[in-house]
Amino acid sequence: MSAPTIRATCGRALLALVLCLPALLLAAGPASAHAGLLDSDPADGATLEGAPRQVTLSFNEDIQRPAYVVVRAAGEEVASGEAEVSGPRVTASVPADAAPGEWSVAFRVVSTDGHPVTGELGFTVAEPPAAESTQESTQEPTQEPTGGASAADESSPAAAQPGTAEAEAGLWERHGDHVLVGAALLALAAAVLVLARRSR
């Protein structure tokens, strides 16, 4: 075979390979593709005001059954096992009393080609605000009752004692001299009577 003939044959083979390459790539693409997570609800890294009732994972293709999801709230496992599958969406229910804090979601699903896909995401559930009534009750100042303990203390015997002592002290200051004079006169009269009896 001559050199020009060899070059022409190689050129045609190379041209045929270039023309067939896109078709080969398209045929191999779907077979080698696997499911990938597109979105989640709650979203990865989100902060929520309250605990969600379910976690939904959305993939770029339909997911085979079974699919497994494990949900942990504040380090405690609150949901696990087989999740509900609907086309490209996988949903796991979460109990209403799940604790706030850091949440994590781990999943294992199977692509349409039978390839298993695993992953994990996380979000935060904020602490619920304290009740306003509780805050108001703790902030209200304590009021002393009017006419209560103070009035009772004033009318008690212990409260009346200082006033009685003061009254007695004032009475002695006013009439102390009279009492002393009267006592002296009584003593003098008694002495006179004694002397009169003795003289008889």
Protein backbone atom coordinates (compact mmCIF):
# COMPACT_ATOMS: atom_id res chain seq x y z
CA MET A 1 0.00 0.00 0.00
CA SER A 2 1.36 3.39 -0.95
CA ALA A 3 1.97 6.24 1.48
CA PRO A 4 -0.84 8.46 0.09
CA THR A 5 -3.31 5.58 0.48
CA ILE A 6 -2.23 5.01 4.13
CA ARG A 7 -2.57 8.70 4.95
CA ALA A 8 -6.04 8.83 3.38
CA THR A 9 -7.19 5.74 5.33
CA CYS A 10 -5.92 7.17 8.65
CA GLY A 11 -7.60 10.49 7.91
CA ARG A 12 -10.99 8.83 7.31
CA ALA A 13 -10.66 6.76 10.51
CA LEU A 14 -9.78 9.82 12.57
CA LEU A 15 -12.72 11.75 11.10
CA ALA A 16 -15.09 8.89 11.91
CA LEU A 17 -13.78 8.79 15.51
CA VAL A 18 -14.30 12.54 15.96
CA LEU A 19 -17.85 12.29 14.60
CA CYS A 20 -18.75 9.36 16.85
CA LEU A 21 -17.18 10.83 20.04
CA PRO A 22 -20.20 13.00 21.06
CA ALA A 23 -22.54 10.04 20.67
CA LEU A 24 -20.27 7.88 22.81
CA LEU A 25 -20.12 10.55 25.51
CA LEU A 26 -23.92 10.95 25.54
CA ALA A 27 -24.40 7.21 25.81
CA ALA A 28 -21.92 6.88 28.66
CA GLY A 29 -23.18 9.96 30.55
CA PRO A 30 -26.48 8.62 31.98
CA ALA A 31 -24.88 5.31 32.88
CA SER A 32 -22.16 6.96 34.99
CA ALA A 33 -24.29 9.72 36.59
CA HIS A 34 -25.43 9.35 40.22
CA ALA A 35 -28.07 11.12 42.29
CA GLY A 36 -26.99 14.37 43.90
CA LEU A 37 -28.67 16.45 46.59
CA LEU A 38 -30.06 19.68 45.12
CA ASP A 39 -31.89 21.22 48.09
CA SER A 40 -33.30 20.48 51.53
CA ASP A 41 -36.06 21.81 53.74
CA PRO A 42 -34.85 23.04 56.24
CA ALA A 43 -31.86 24.26 54.29
CA ASP A 44 -28.34 23.31 55.28
CA GLY A 45 -26.96 25.91 57.75
CA ALA A 46 -30.34 27.58 58.37
CA THR A 47 -31.59 28.87 61.76
CA LEU A 48 -35.24 28.16 62.55
CA GLU A 49 -37.56 29.80 65.12
CA GLY A 50 -39.20 26.47 65.91
CA ALA A 51 -38.66 22.76 65.40
CA PRO A 52 -39.72 21.41 61.97
CA ARG A 53 -42.28 18.62 61.70
CA GLN A 54 -40.45 16.97 58.78
CA VAL A 55 -37.22 17.06 56.81
CA THR A 56 -37.38 16.93 52.99
CA LEU A 57 -34.42 16.16 50.71
CA SER A 58 -34.62 17.00 46.98
CA PHE A 59 -32.30 15.21 44.50
CA ASN A 60 -31.53 15.73 40.82
CA GLU A 61 -33.17 12.43 39.81
CA ASP A 62 -35.68 9.93 41.08
CA ILE A 63 -34.66 7.88 44.10
CA GLN A 64 -35.20 4.16 44.51
CA ARG A 65 -36.77 2.59 47.56
CA PRO A 66 -35.78 2.12 50.31
CA ALA A 67 -34.21 5.42 51.40
CA TYR A 68 -32.94 5.95 54.94
CA VAL A 69 -32.74 9.19 56.95
CA VAL A 70 -31.50 9.74 60.50
CA VAL A 71 -32.36 13.03 62.27
CA ARG A 72 -30.67 14.11 65.51
CA ALA A 73 -31.80 17.06 67.65
CA ALA A 74 -29.34 18.41 70.24
CA GLY A 75 -27.40 15.14 69.99
CA GLU A 76 -30.49 12.94 70.51
CA GLU A 77 -31.84 10.74 67.73
CA VAL A 78 -35.46 11.77 67.05
CA ALA A 79 -36.11 10.06 63.69
CA SER A 80 -34.50 7.12 61.91
CA GLY A 81 -35.26 4.32 59.53
CA GLU A 82 -36.93 4.17 56.15
CA ALA A 83 -38.18 7.52 54.84
CA GLU A 84 -40.98 8.30 52.39
CA VAL A 85 -39.89 8.48 48.74
CA SER A 86 -41.76 10.42 46.07
CA GLY A 87 -39.77 10.71 42.81
CA PRO A 88 -36.70 12.83 43.58
CA ARG A 89 -37.92 13.79 47.08
CA VAL A 90 -37.26 11.94 50.33
CA THR A 91 -39.20 12.98 53.45
CA ALA A 92 -38.68 12.00 57.10
CA SER A 93 -41.20 12.93 59.82
CA VAL A 94 -39.98 14.52 63.08
CA PRO A 95 -41.84 14.42 66.45
CA ALA A 96 -43.30 17.70 67.71
CA ASP A 97 -41.45 17.59 71.05
CA ALA A 98 -37.95 17.50 69.52
CA ALA A 99 -35.51 19.67 71.49
CA PRO A 100 -34.06 22.94 70.16
CA GLY A 101 -30.36 23.28 69.47
CA GLU A 102 -28.06 21.92 66.78
CA TRP A 103 -29.75 19.43 64.41
CA SER A 104 -28.10 17.03 61.96
CA VAL A 105 -29.58 15.00 59.08
CA ALA A 106 -27.77 11.97 57.63
CA PHE A 107 -29.16 10.13 54.59
CA ARG A 108 -28.49 7.10 52.41
CA VAL A 109 -30.37 6.82 49.13
CA VAL A 110 -30.01 4.77 45.94
CA SER A 111 -29.72 6.31 42.45
CA THR A 112 -31.66 5.00 39.47
CA ASP A 113 -28.50 3.18 38.33
CA GLY A 114 -28.33 1.37 41.68
CA HIS A 115 -25.45 3.41 43.09
CA PRO A 116 -25.84 4.27 46.82
CA VAL A 117 -25.42 7.96 47.77
CA THR A 118 -24.81 9.17 51.33
CA GLY A 119 -24.51 12.64 52.84
CA GLU A 120 -25.17 14.83 55.85
CA LEU A 121 -26.39 18.36 56.54
CA GLY A 122 -27.23 20.46 59.59
CA PHE A 123 -29.25 23.43 60.84
CA THR A 124 -30.13 25.16 64.13
CA VAL A 125 -33.44 25.39 66.01
CA ALA A 126 -33.52 28.45 68.28
CA GLU A 127 -34.67 28.35 71.90
CA PRO A 128 -38.33 29.45 72.35
CA PRO A 129 -38.77 32.90 73.97
CA ALA A 130 -39.87 33.03 77.61
CA ALA A 131 -43.55 33.70 78.31
CA GLU A 132 -44.37 37.43 78.68
CA SER A 133 -46.57 36.79 81.71
CA THR A 134 -43.70 35.16 83.53
CA GLN A 135 -41.43 38.10 82.79
CA GLU A 136 -44.02 40.62 83.97
CA SER A 137 -44.63 38.74 87.21
CA THR A 138 -40.92 38.66 87.98
CA GLN A 139 -40.51 42.37 87.23
CA GLU A 140 -43.47 43.65 89.30
CA PRO A 141 -42.30 45.27 92.59
CA THR A 142 -43.69 43.96 95.83
CA GLN A 143 -46.09 46.47 97.40
CA GLU A 144 -46.50 46.71 101.15
CA PRO A 145 -50.15 46.41 102.27
CA THR A 146 -51.70 49.64 103.54
CA GLY A 147 -53.03 49.46 107.09
CA GLY A 148 -51.59 45.99 107.46
CA ALA A 149 -48.63 44.96 109.52
CA SER A 150 -47.70 48.54 110.52
CA ALA A 151 -51.17 49.27 111.88
CA ALA A 152 -51.25 45.95 113.70
CA ASP A 153 -47.84 46.63 115.23
CA GLU A 154 -48.98 50.00 116.53
CA SER A 155 -52.05 48.48 118.21
CA SER A 156 -50.16 45.56 119.77
CA PRO A 157 -49.10 45.59 123.45
CA ALA A 158 -45.45 45.80 122.47
CA ALA A 159 -46.17 48.96 120.47
CA ALA A 160 -48.25 50.46 123.31
CA GLN A 161 -45.59 49.98 125.98
CA PRO A 162 -43.41 52.97 125.00
CA GLY A 163 -46.42 55.30 125.08
CA THR A 164 -47.51 54.02 128.52
CA ALA A 165 -44.02 54.50 129.96
CA GLU A 166 -43.89 58.02 128.60
CA ALA A 167 -47.31 58.80 130.15
CA GLU A 168 -46.21 57.49 133.55
CA ALA A 169 -43.00 59.50 133.39
CA GLY A 170 -44.94 62.69 132.58
CA LEU A 171 -47.37 62.07 135.46
CA TRP A 172 -44.52 61.71 138.01
CA GLU A 173 -42.82 64.85 136.70
CA ARG A 174 -46.04 66.84 137.16
CA HIS A 175 -47.18 65.46 140.57
CA GLY A 176 -44.04 64.04 142.13
CA ASP A 177 -43.55 66.99 144.49
CA HIS A 178 -47.15 66.80 145.71
CA VAL A 179 -46.80 63.14 146.51
CA LEU A 180 -43.64 63.75 148.53
CA VAL A 181 -45.24 66.60 150.50
CA GLY A 182 -48.29 64.50 151.25
CA ALA A 183 -46.14 61.65 152.43
CA ALA A 184 -44.18 63.98 154.73
CA LEU A 185 -47.38 65.40 156.23
CA LEU A 186 -48.73 61.92 156.88
CA ALA A 187 -45.49 60.96 158.61
CA LEU A 188 -45.60 64.12 160.77
CA ALA A 189 -49.21 63.48 161.77
CA ALA A 190 -48.36 59.94 162.73
CA ALA A 191 -45.47 61.16 164.89
CA VAL A 192 -47.71 63.70 166.67
CA LEU A 193 -50.28 61.03 167.42
CA VAL A 194 -47.59 58.74 168.86
CA LEU A 195 -46.26 61.52 171.12
CA ALA A 196 -49.74 62.45 172.29
CA ARG A 197 -50.49 58.87 173.29
CA ARG A 198 -47.25 58.60 175.18
CA SER A 199 -47.91 61.87 177.12
CA ARG A 200 -51.24 60.54 178.29
